[in-house]
Amino acid sequence: MGATSVKIAAAGNKAVGSIKQAVGKSTGNRKMEAEGAGQKARGQVQEKVGDAKSRVKDVIDKF
């Protein structure tokens, strides 16, 4: 996956995770709330990976 596609997947995971977390919290569904928190965290990690890939590509492109 390229940096852009990783960042898009990250945004999706963060958004869906936030929604799941909020719905789980408002309905008292702890399992859904935990799943949402996990998916949101996965998105945050993916975002960092995408940023790192972009930086590596920028360094390589300079040479």
Protein backbone atom coordinates (compact mmCIF):
# COMPACT_ATOMS: atom_id res chain seq x y z
CA MET A 1 0.00 0.00 0.00
CA GLY A 2 1.23 3.47 -0.80
CA ALA A 3 1.26 6.31 1.69
CA THR A 4 -1.94 7.84 0.33
CA SER A 5 -3.94 4.63 0.49
CA VAL A 6 -2.67 3.98 4.02
CA LYS A 7 -3.78 7.46 5.07
CA ILE A 8 -7.22 6.95 3.49
CA ALA A 9 -7.64 3.63 5.31
CA ALA A 10 -6.50 5.34 8.52
CA ALA A 11 -9.10 8.07 8.16
CA GLY A 12 -11.80 5.48 7.57
CA ASN A 13 -10.80 3.42 10.59
CA LYS A 14 -10.62 6.48 12.81
CA ALA A 15 -14.05 7.69 11.68
CA VAL A 16 -15.79 4.32 11.98
CA GLY A 17 -14.03 3.67 15.28
CA SER A 18 -15.20 6.98 16.70
CA ILE A 19 -18.78 6.27 15.62
CA LYS A 20 -18.73 2.74 17.08
CA GLN A 21 -17.24 4.06 20.30
CA ALA A 22 -19.89 6.78 20.62
CA VAL A 23 -22.78 4.44 19.80
CA GLY A 24 -21.45 1.83 22.20
CA LYS A 25 -21.08 4.41 24.95
CA SER A 26 -24.55 5.90 24.42
CA THR A 27 -26.26 2.50 24.30
CA GLY A 28 -24.26 0.96 27.12
CA ASN A 29 -22.78 -1.63 24.77
CA ARG A 30 -19.29 -2.02 26.21
CA LYS A 31 -18.23 -4.50 23.55
CA MET A 32 -19.05 -2.07 20.73
CA GLU A 33 -17.41 0.78 22.63
CA ALA A 34 -14.21 -1.29 23.00
CA GLU A 35 -14.29 -2.34 19.35
CA GLY A 36 -14.64 1.31 18.38
CA ALA A 37 -11.72 2.32 20.56
CA GLY A 38 -9.61 -0.44 19.03
CA GLN A 39 -10.52 0.51 15.48
CA LYS A 40 -9.83 4.17 16.21
CA ALA A 41 -6.41 3.24 17.64
CA ARG A 42 -5.71 1.12 14.54
CA GLY A 43 -6.48 4.16 12.41
CA GLN A 44 -4.10 6.30 14.44
CA VAL A 45 -1.31 3.77 13.96
CA GLN A 46 -2.06 3.55 10.23
CA GLU A 47 -1.85 7.33 10.03
CA LYS A 48 1.64 7.26 11.58
CA VAL A 49 2.69 4.55 9.11
CA GLY A 50 1.40 6.66 6.22
CA ASP A 51 3.29 9.69 7.50
CA ALA A 52 6.48 7.65 7.79
CA LYS A 53 6.06 6.29 4.26
CA SER A 54 5.60 9.83 2.96
CA ARG A 55 8.75 11.02 4.71
CA VAL A 56 10.80 8.10 3.37
CA LYS A 57 9.50 8.76 -0.14
CA ASP A 58 10.37 12.46 0.17
CA VAL A 59 13.93 11.61 1.22
CA ILE A 60 14.34 9.13 -1.64
CA ASP A 61 12.93 11.62 -4.15
CA LYS A 62 15.53 14.19 -3.11
CA PHE A 63 18.31 11.92 -4.35
